[in-house]
């Protein structure tokens, strides 16, 4: 015999499970974004250090901001795919 109350319990459990899974997916997306920003920043810093070994930390940070904004922004004329 199937009771309506059993159905409500199962739906409530599924709803809580879906909420938890959604929360975990959101957290993983945020973590992935942070790691991506760190890798990009490190790559830019390494490239700038290869060009100029005497570059200061302030100049490195400035270069990271400029180059990272170029990666996110609209492409300039002559950049990207034709």
PDB file of N, CA and C in Angstrom:
ATOM      1  N   UNK A   1       0.843  -1.171   0.000  1.00  0.00           N
ATOM      2  CA  UNK A   1       0.000   0.000   0.000  1.00  0.00           C
ATOM      3  C   UNK A   1       0.898   1.247   0.000  1.00  0.00           C
ATOM      4  N   UNK A   2       0.625   2.129  -0.908  1.00  0.00           N
ATOM      5  CA  UNK A   2       1.420   3.347  -1.060  1.00  0.00           C
ATOM      6  C   UNK A   2       0.659   4.511  -0.451  1.00  0.00           C
ATOM      7  N   UNK A   3       1.310   5.190   0.451  1.00  0.00           N
ATOM      8  CA  UNK A   3       0.677   6.336   1.097  1.00  0.00           C
ATOM      9  C   UNK A   3       1.185   7.635   0.477  1.00  0.00           C
ATOM     10  N   UNK A   4       0.309   8.611   0.430  1.00  0.00           N
ATOM     11  CA  UNK A   4       0.698   9.922  -0.100  1.00  0.00           C
ATOM     12  C   UNK A   4       1.805  10.531   0.748  1.00  0.00           C
ATOM     13  N   UNK A   5       1.754  10.301   2.046  1.00  0.00           N
ATOM     14  CA  UNK A   5       2.780  10.863   2.928  1.00  0.00           C
ATOM     15  C   UNK A   5       4.163  10.301   2.589  1.00  0.00           C
ATOM     16  N   UNK A   6       4.237   9.030   2.161  1.00  0.00           N
ATOM     17  CA  UNK A   6       5.521   8.459   1.729  1.00  0.00           C
ATOM     18  C   UNK A   6       6.065   9.204   0.511  1.00  0.00           C
ATOM     19  N   UNK A   7       5.162   9.555  -0.386  1.00  0.00           N
ATOM     20  CA  UNK A   7       5.558  10.292  -1.577  1.00  0.00           C
ATOM     21  C   UNK A   7       6.125  11.656  -1.200  1.00  0.00           C
ATOM     22  N   UNK A   8       5.493  12.342  -0.237  1.00  0.00           N
ATOM     23  CA  UNK A   8       5.979  13.649   0.210  1.00  0.00           C
ATOM     24  C   UNK A   8       7.353  13.538   0.866  1.00  0.00           C
ATOM     25  N   UNK A   9       7.570  12.496   1.630  1.00  0.00           N
ATOM     26  CA  UNK A   9       8.877  12.285   2.276  1.00  0.00           C
ATOM     27  C   UNK A   9       9.950  12.078   1.212  1.00  0.00           C
ATOM     28  N   UNK A  10       9.653  11.276   0.214  1.00  0.00           N
ATOM     29  CA  UNK A  10      10.619  11.022  -0.851  1.00  0.00           C
ATOM     30  C   UNK A  10      10.912  12.291  -1.650  1.00  0.00           C
ATOM     31  N   UNK A  11       9.881  13.091  -1.931  1.00  0.00           N
ATOM     32  CA  UNK A  11      10.086  14.328  -2.670  1.00  0.00           C
ATOM     33  C   UNK A  11      10.901  15.320  -1.840  1.00  0.00           C
ATOM     34  N   UNK A  12      10.656  15.375  -0.540  1.00  0.00           N
ATOM     35  CA  UNK A  12      11.415  16.267   0.329  1.00  0.00           C
ATOM     36  C   UNK A  12      12.874  15.875   0.388  1.00  0.00           C
ATOM     37  N   UNK A  13      13.146  14.577   0.477  1.00  0.00           N
ATOM     38  CA  UNK A  13      14.519  14.097   0.493  1.00  0.00           C
ATOM     39  C   UNK A  13      15.218  14.440  -0.813  1.00  0.00           C
ATOM     40  N   UNK A  14      14.513  14.242  -1.923  1.00  0.00           N
ATOM     41  CA  UNK A  14      15.099  14.550  -3.236  1.00  0.00           C
ATOM     42  C   UNK A  14      15.380  16.044  -3.360  1.00  0.00           C
ATOM     43  N   UNK A  15      14.490  16.872  -2.862  1.00  0.00           N
ATOM     44  CA  UNK A  15      14.681  18.319  -2.924  1.00  0.00           C
ATOM     45  C   UNK A  15      15.915  18.731  -2.130  1.00  0.00           C
ATOM     46  N   UNK A  16      16.088  18.167  -0.934  1.00  0.00           N
ATOM     47  CA  UNK A  16      17.267  18.476  -0.126  1.00  0.00           C
ATOM     48  C   UNK A  16      18.547  17.996  -0.802  1.00  0.00           C
ATOM     49  N   UNK A  17      18.474  16.834  -1.400  1.00  0.00           N
ATOM     50  CA  UNK A  17      19.633  16.285  -2.106  1.00  0.00           C
ATOM     51  C   UNK A  17      19.998  17.166  -3.292  1.00  0.00           C
ATOM     52  N   UNK A  18      19.000  17.600  -4.058  1.00  0.00           N
ATOM     53  CA  UNK A  18      19.248  18.483  -5.195  1.00  0.00           C
ATOM     54  C   UNK A  18      19.859  19.805  -4.742  1.00  0.00           C
ATOM     55  N   UNK A  19      19.390  20.330  -3.622  1.00  0.00           N
ATOM     56  CA  UNK A  19      19.948  21.579  -3.095  1.00  0.00           C
ATOM     57  C   UNK A  19      21.414  21.391  -2.725  1.00  0.00           C
ATOM     58  N   UNK A  20      21.729  20.292  -2.077  1.00  0.00           N
ATOM     59  CA  UNK A  20      23.117  20.023  -1.688  1.00  0.00           C
ATOM     60  C   UNK A  20      24.018  19.863  -2.908  1.00  0.00           C
ATOM     61  N   UNK A  21      23.558  19.109  -3.880  1.00  0.00           N
ATOM     62  CA  UNK A  21      24.349  18.902  -5.099  1.00  0.00           C
ATOM     63  C   UNK A  21      24.557  20.228  -5.813  1.00  0.00           C
ATOM     64  N   UNK A  22      23.509  21.048  -5.895  1.00  0.00           N
ATOM     65  CA  UNK A  22      23.630  22.363  -6.519  1.00  0.00           C
ATOM     66  C   UNK A  22      24.638  23.237  -5.797  1.00  0.00           C
ATOM     67  N   UNK A  23      24.625  23.179  -4.475  1.00  0.00           N
ATOM     68  CA  UNK A  23      25.564  23.959  -3.665  1.00  0.00           C
ATOM     69  C   UNK A  23      27.004  23.506  -3.914  1.00  0.00           C
ATOM     70  N   UNK A  24      27.218  22.215  -3.986  1.00  0.00           N
ATOM     71  CA  UNK A  24      28.555  21.668  -4.236  1.00  0.00           C
ATOM     72  C   UNK A  24      29.042  22.070  -5.624  1.00  0.00           C
ATOM     73  N   UNK A  25      28.167  22.008  -6.618  1.00  0.00           N
ATOM     74  CA  UNK A  25      28.546  22.396  -7.978  1.00  0.00           C
ATOM     75  C   UNK A  25      28.922  23.876  -8.023  1.00  0.00           C
ATOM     76  N   UNK A  26      28.166  24.704  -7.326  1.00  0.00           N
ATOM     77  CA  UNK A  26      28.469  26.140  -7.271  1.00  0.00           C
ATOM     78  C   UNK A  26      29.830  26.380  -6.619  1.00  0.00           C
ATOM     79  N   UNK A  27      30.101  25.700  -5.502  1.00  0.00           N
ATOM     80  CA  UNK A  27      31.385  25.853  -4.819  1.00  0.00           C
ATOM     81  C   UNK A  27      32.548  25.403  -5.702  1.00  0.00           C
ATOM     82  N   UNK A  28      32.367  24.305  -6.422  1.00  0.00           N
ATOM     83  CA  UNK A  28      33.420  23.810  -7.301  1.00  0.00           C
ATOM     84  C   UNK A  28      33.672  24.779  -8.445  1.00  0.00           C
ATOM     85  N   UNK A  29      32.636  25.400  -8.949  1.00  0.00           N
ATOM     86  CA  UNK A  29      32.797  26.401  -9.997  1.00  0.00           C
ATOM     87  C   UNK A  29      33.590  27.598  -9.501  1.00  0.00           C
ATOM     88  N   UNK A  30      33.302  28.026  -8.270  1.00  0.00           N
ATOM     89  CA  UNK A  30      34.042  29.144  -7.676  1.00  0.00           C
ATOM     90  C   UNK A  30      35.503  28.761  -7.454  1.00  0.00           C
ATOM     91  N   UNK A  31      35.729  27.561  -6.993  1.00  0.00           N
ATOM     92  CA  UNK A  31      37.100  27.091  -6.774  1.00  0.00           C
ATOM     93  C   UNK A  31      37.859  27.031  -8.095  1.00  0.00           C
ATOM     94  N   UNK A  32      37.211  26.526  -9.131  1.00  0.00           N
ATOM     95  CA  UNK A  32      37.838  26.451 -10.448  1.00  0.00           C
ATOM     96  C   UNK A  32      38.211  27.850 -10.949  1.00  0.00           C
ATOM     97  N   UNK A  33      37.326  28.816 -10.757  1.00  0.00           N
ATOM     98  CA  UNK A  33      37.595  30.186 -11.190  1.00  0.00           C
ATOM     99  C   UNK A  33      38.792  30.779 -10.448  1.00  0.00           C
ATOM    100  N   UNK A  34      38.880  30.539  -9.149  1.00  0.00           N
ATOM    101  CA  UNK A  34      40.009  31.049  -8.362  1.00  0.00           C
ATOM    102  C   UNK A  34      41.327  30.425  -8.808  1.00  0.00           C
ATOM    103  N   UNK A  35      41.310  29.129  -9.066  1.00  0.00           N
ATOM    104  CA  UNK A  35      42.526  28.442  -9.525  1.00  0.00           C
ATOM    105  C   UNK A  35      42.928  28.974 -10.897  1.00  0.00           C
ATOM    106  N   UNK A  36      41.956  29.192 -11.768  1.00  0.00           N
ATOM    107  CA  UNK A  36      42.245  29.717 -13.100  1.00  0.00           C
ATOM    108  C   UNK A  36      42.892  31.102 -13.005  1.00  0.00           C
ATOM    109  N   UNK A  37      42.362  31.971 -12.138  1.00  0.00           N
ATOM    110  CA  UNK A  37      42.955  33.304 -11.964  1.00  0.00           C
ATOM    111  C   UNK A  37      44.375  33.211 -11.418  1.00  0.00           C
ATOM    112  N   UNK A  38      44.618  32.274 -10.500  1.00  0.00           N
ATOM    113  CA  UNK A  38      45.960  32.107  -9.940  1.00  0.00           C
ATOM    114  C   UNK A  38      46.943  31.630 -11.005  1.00  0.00           C
ATOM    115  N   UNK A  39      46.528  30.690 -11.835  1.00  0.00           N
ATOM    116  CA  UNK A  39      47.401  30.156 -12.885  1.00  0.00           C
ATOM    117  C   UNK A  39      47.720  31.246 -13.911  1.00  0.00           C
ATOM    118  N   UNK A  40      46.705  32.018 -14.299  1.00  0.00           N
ATOM    119  CA  UNK A  40      46.927  33.107 -15.245  1.00  0.00           C
ATOM    120  C   UNK A  40      47.889  34.128 -14.656  1.00  0.00           C
ATOM    121  N   UNK A  41      47.676  34.498 -13.401  1.00  0.00           N
ATOM    122  CA  UNK A  41      48.537  35.473 -12.738  1.00  0.00           C
ATOM    123  C   UNK A  41      49.972  34.968 -12.672  1.00  0.00           C
ATOM    124  N   UNK A  42      50.146  33.724 -12.300  1.00  0.00           N
ATOM    125  CA  UNK A  42      51.486  33.145 -12.213  1.00  0.00           C
ATOM    126  C   UNK A  42      52.153  33.113 -13.581  1.00  0.00           C
ATOM    127  N   UNK A  43      51.409  32.732 -14.603  1.00  0.00           N
ATOM    128  CA  UNK A  43      51.962  32.685 -15.954  1.00  0.00           C
ATOM    129  C   UNK A  43      52.413  34.054 -16.439  1.00  0.00           C
ATOM    130  N   UNK A  44      51.594  35.075 -16.169  1.00  0.00           N
ATOM    131  CA  UNK A  44      51.960  36.436 -16.569  1.00  0.00           C
ATOM    132  C   UNK A  44      53.203  36.888 -15.812  1.00  0.00           C
ATOM    133  N   UNK A  45      53.251  36.593 -14.514  1.00  0.00           N
ATOM    134  CA  UNK A  45      54.418  36.990 -13.711  1.00  0.00           C
ATOM    135  C   UNK A  45      55.688  36.310 -14.216  1.00  0.00           C
ATOM    136  N   UNK A  46      55.609  35.029 -14.536  1.00  0.00           N
ATOM    137  CA  UNK A  46      56.777  34.315 -15.044  1.00  0.00           C
ATOM    138  C   UNK A  46      57.239  34.880 -16.380  1.00  0.00           C
ATOM    139  N   UNK A  47      56.280  35.190 -17.255  1.00  0.00           N
ATOM    140  CA  UNK A  47      56.628  35.754 -18.557  1.00  0.00           C
ATOM    141  C   UNK A  47      57.292  37.119 -18.402  1.00  0.00           C
ATOM    142  N   UNK A  48      56.771  37.942 -17.506  1.00  0.00           N
ATOM    143  CA  UNK A  48      57.356  39.264 -17.283  1.00  0.00           C
ATOM    144  C   UNK A  48      58.747  39.156 -16.653  1.00  0.00           C
ATOM    145  N   UNK A  49      58.919  38.200 -15.754  1.00  0.00           N
ATOM    146  CA  UNK A  49      60.230  37.996 -15.124  1.00  0.00           C
ATOM    147  C   UNK A  49      61.261  37.529 -16.144  1.00  0.00           C
ATOM    148  N   UNK A  50      60.833  36.723 -17.127  1.00  0.00           N
ATOM    149  CA  UNK A  50      61.752  36.280 -18.177  1.00  0.00           C
ATOM    150  C   UNK A  50      62.212  37.456 -19.023  1.00  0.00           C
ATOM    151  N   UNK A  51      61.302  38.406 -19.267  1.00  0.00           N
ATOM    152  CA  UNK A  51      61.652  39.587 -20.066  1.00  0.00           C
ATOM    153  C   UNK A  51      62.570  40.526 -19.303  1.00  0.00           C
ATOM    154  N   UNK A  52      62.294  40.691 -18.006  1.00  0.00           N
ATOM    155  CA  UNK A  52      63.043  41.663 -17.207  1.00  0.00           C
ATOM    156  C   UNK A  52      63.246  41.090 -15.799  1.00  0.00           C
ATOM    157  N   UNK A  53      64.444  40.641 -15.514  1.00  0.00           N
ATOM    158  CA  UNK A  53      64.730  40.024 -14.212  1.00  0.00           C
ATOM    159  C   UNK A  53      64.686  41.017 -13.058  1.00  0.00           C
ATOM    160  N   UNK A  54      64.872  42.303 -13.349  1.00  0.00           N
ATOM    161  CA  UNK A  54      64.907  43.317 -12.297  1.00  0.00           C
ATOM    162  C   UNK A  54      63.559  43.999 -12.069  1.00  0.00           C
ATOM    163  N   UNK A  55      62.490  43.444 -12.580  1.00  0.00           N
ATOM    164  CA  UNK A  55      61.169  44.060 -12.450  1.00  0.00           C
ATOM    165  C   UNK A  55      60.722  44.023 -10.986  1.00  0.00           C
ATOM    166  N   UNK A  56      60.098  45.113 -10.554  1.00  0.00           N
ATOM    167  CA  UNK A  56      59.648  45.197  -9.159  1.00  0.00           C
ATOM    168  C   UNK A  56      58.300  44.494  -8.990  1.00  0.00           C
ATOM    169  N   UNK A  57      57.940  44.248  -7.747  1.00  0.00           N
ATOM    170  CA  UNK A  57      56.655  43.591  -7.444  1.00  0.00           C
ATOM    171  C   UNK A  57      55.481  44.456  -7.892  1.00  0.00           C
ATOM    172  N   UNK A  58      55.598  45.778  -7.726  1.00  0.00           N
ATOM    173  CA  UNK A  58      54.524  46.685  -8.156  1.00  0.00           C
ATOM    174  C   UNK A  58      54.333  46.619  -9.673  1.00  0.00           C
ATOM    175  N   UNK A  59      55.444  46.576 -10.402  1.00  0.00           N
ATOM    176  CA  UNK A  59      55.359  46.480 -11.855  1.00  0.00           C
ATOM    177  C   UNK A  59      54.770  45.139 -12.285  1.00  0.00           C
ATOM    178  N   UNK A  60      55.111  44.089 -11.553  1.00  0.00           N
ATOM    179  CA  UNK A  60      54.521  42.773 -11.840  1.00  0.00           C
ATOM    180  C   UNK A  60      53.016  42.800 -11.647  1.00  0.00           C
ATOM    181  N   UNK A  61      52.568  43.378 -10.538  1.00  0.00           N
ATOM    182  CA  UNK A  61      51.135  43.453 -10.272  1.00  0.00           C
ATOM    183  C   UNK A  61      50.415  44.274 -11.342  1.00  0.00           C
ATOM    184  N   UNK A  62      51.048  45.359 -11.766  1.00  0.00           N
ATOM    185  CA  UNK A  62      50.467  46.206 -12.819  1.00  0.00           C
ATOM    186  C   UNK A  62      50.349  45.410 -14.123  1.00  0.00           C
ATOM    187  N   UNK A  63      51.387  44.666 -14.463  1.00  0.00           N
ATOM    188  CA  UNK A  63      51.374  43.850 -15.682  1.00  0.00           C
ATOM    189  C   UNK A  63      50.293  42.783 -15.617  1.00  0.00           C
ATOM    190  N   UNK A  64      50.125  42.174 -14.442  1.00  0.00           N
ATOM    191  CA  UNK A  64      49.092  41.147 -14.271  1.00  0.00           C
ATOM    192  C   UNK A  64      47.712  41.760 -14.491  1.00  0.00           C
ATOM    193  N   UNK A  65      47.467  42.926 -13.901  1.00  0.00           N
ATOM    194  CA  UNK A  65      46.157  43.575 -14.070  1.00  0.00           C
ATOM    195  C   UNK A  65      45.887  43.914 -15.524  1.00  0.00           C
ATOM    196  N   UNK A  66      46.889  44.460 -16.211  1.00  0.00           N
ATOM    197  CA  UNK A  66      46.705  44.846 -17.605  1.00  0.00           C
ATOM    198  C   UNK A  66      46.453  43.635 -18.501  1.00  0.00           C
ATOM    199  N   UNK A  67      47.290  42.628 -18.360  1.00  0.00           N
ATOM    200  CA  UNK A  67      47.179  41.454 -19.237  1.00  0.00           C
ATOM    201  C   UNK A  67      45.936  40.625 -18.917  1.00  0.00           C
ATOM    202  N   UNK A  68      45.591  40.522 -17.636  1.00  0.00           N
ATOM    203  CA  UNK A  68      44.394  39.763 -17.268  1.00  0.00           C
ATOM    204  C   UNK A  68      43.142  40.454 -17.783  1.00  0.00           C
ATOM    205  N   UNK A  69      43.119  41.792 -17.753  1.00  0.00           N
ATOM    206  CA  UNK A  69      41.948  42.506 -18.273  1.00  0.00           C
ATOM    207  C   UNK A  69      41.843  42.335 -19.784  1.00  0.00           C
ATOM    208  N   UNK A  70      42.974  42.210 -20.472  1.00  0.00           N
ATOM    209  CA  UNK A  70      42.951  41.956 -21.910  1.00  0.00           C
ATOM    210  C   UNK A  70      42.345  40.590 -22.222  1.00  0.00           C
ATOM    211  N   UNK A  71      42.569  39.627 -21.341  1.00  0.00           N
ATOM    212  CA  UNK A  71      42.026  38.279 -21.566  1.00  0.00           C
ATOM    213  C   UNK A  71      40.512  38.247 -21.429  1.00  0.00           C
ATOM    214  N   UNK A  72      39.955  39.135 -20.625  1.00  0.00           N
ATOM    215  CA  UNK A  72      38.526  39.120 -20.347  1.00  0.00           C
ATOM    216  C   UNK A  72      37.771  40.075 -21.258  1.00  0.00           C
ATOM    217  N   UNK A  73      38.418  41.139 -21.691  1.00  0.00           N
ATOM    218  CA  UNK A  73      37.756  42.201 -22.417  1.00  0.00           C
ATOM    219  C   UNK A  73      37.515  41.876 -23.888  1.00  0.00           C
ATOM    220  N   UNK A  74      37.046  42.904 -24.565  1.00  0.00           N
ATOM    221  CA  UNK A  74      36.768  42.801 -25.999  1.00  0.00           C
ATOM    222  C   UNK A  74      38.100  42.821 -26.748  1.00  0.00           C
ATOM    223  N   UNK A  75      38.195  42.001 -27.785  1.00  0.00           N
ATOM    224  CA  UNK A  75      39.422  41.930 -28.571  1.00  0.00           C
ATOM    225  C   UNK A  75      39.634  43.210 -29.356  1.00  0.00           C
ATOM    226  N   UNK A  76      40.887  43.610 -29.446  1.00  0.00           N
ATOM    227  CA  UNK A  76      41.254  44.794 -30.226  1.00  0.00           C
ATOM    228  C   UNK A  76      41.369  44.400 -31.697  1.00  0.00           C
ATOM    229  N   UNK A  77      41.407  45.397 -32.544  1.00  0.00           N
ATOM    230  CA  UNK A  77      41.531  45.174 -33.986  1.00  0.00           C
ATOM    231  C   UNK A  77      42.786  44.361 -34.287  1.00  0.00           C
ATOM    232  N   UNK A  78      42.634  43.314 -35.078  1.00  0.00           N
ATOM    233  CA  UNK A  78      43.772  42.479 -35.462  1.00  0.00           C
ATOM    234  C   UNK A  78      44.052  41.337 -34.506  1.00  0.00           C
ATOM    235  N   UNK A  79      43.299  41.241 -33.408  1.00  0.00           N
ATOM    236  CA  UNK A  79      43.480  40.153 -32.456  1.00  0.00           C
ATOM    237  C   UNK A  79      42.362  39.121 -32.660  1.00  0.00           C
ATOM    238  N   UNK A  80      42.600  37.921 -32.192  1.00  0.00           N
ATOM    239  CA  UNK A  80      41.564  36.889 -32.276  1.00  0.00           C
ATOM    240  C   UNK A  80      41.545  36.188 -33.612  1.00  0.00           C
ATOM    241  N   UNK A  81      40.422  35.535 -33.878  1.00  0.00           N
ATOM    242  CA  UNK A  81      40.279  34.768 -35.107  1.00  0.00           C
ATOM    243  C   UNK A  81      39.788  35.650 -36.248  1.00  0.00           C
ATOM    244  N   UNK A  82      40.237  35.363 -37.455  1.00  0.00           N
ATOM    245  CA  UNK A  82      39.765  36.091 -38.642  1.00  0.00           C
ATOM    246  C   UNK A  82      38.499  35.443 -39.176  1.00  0.00           C
TER     247      UNK A  82
END
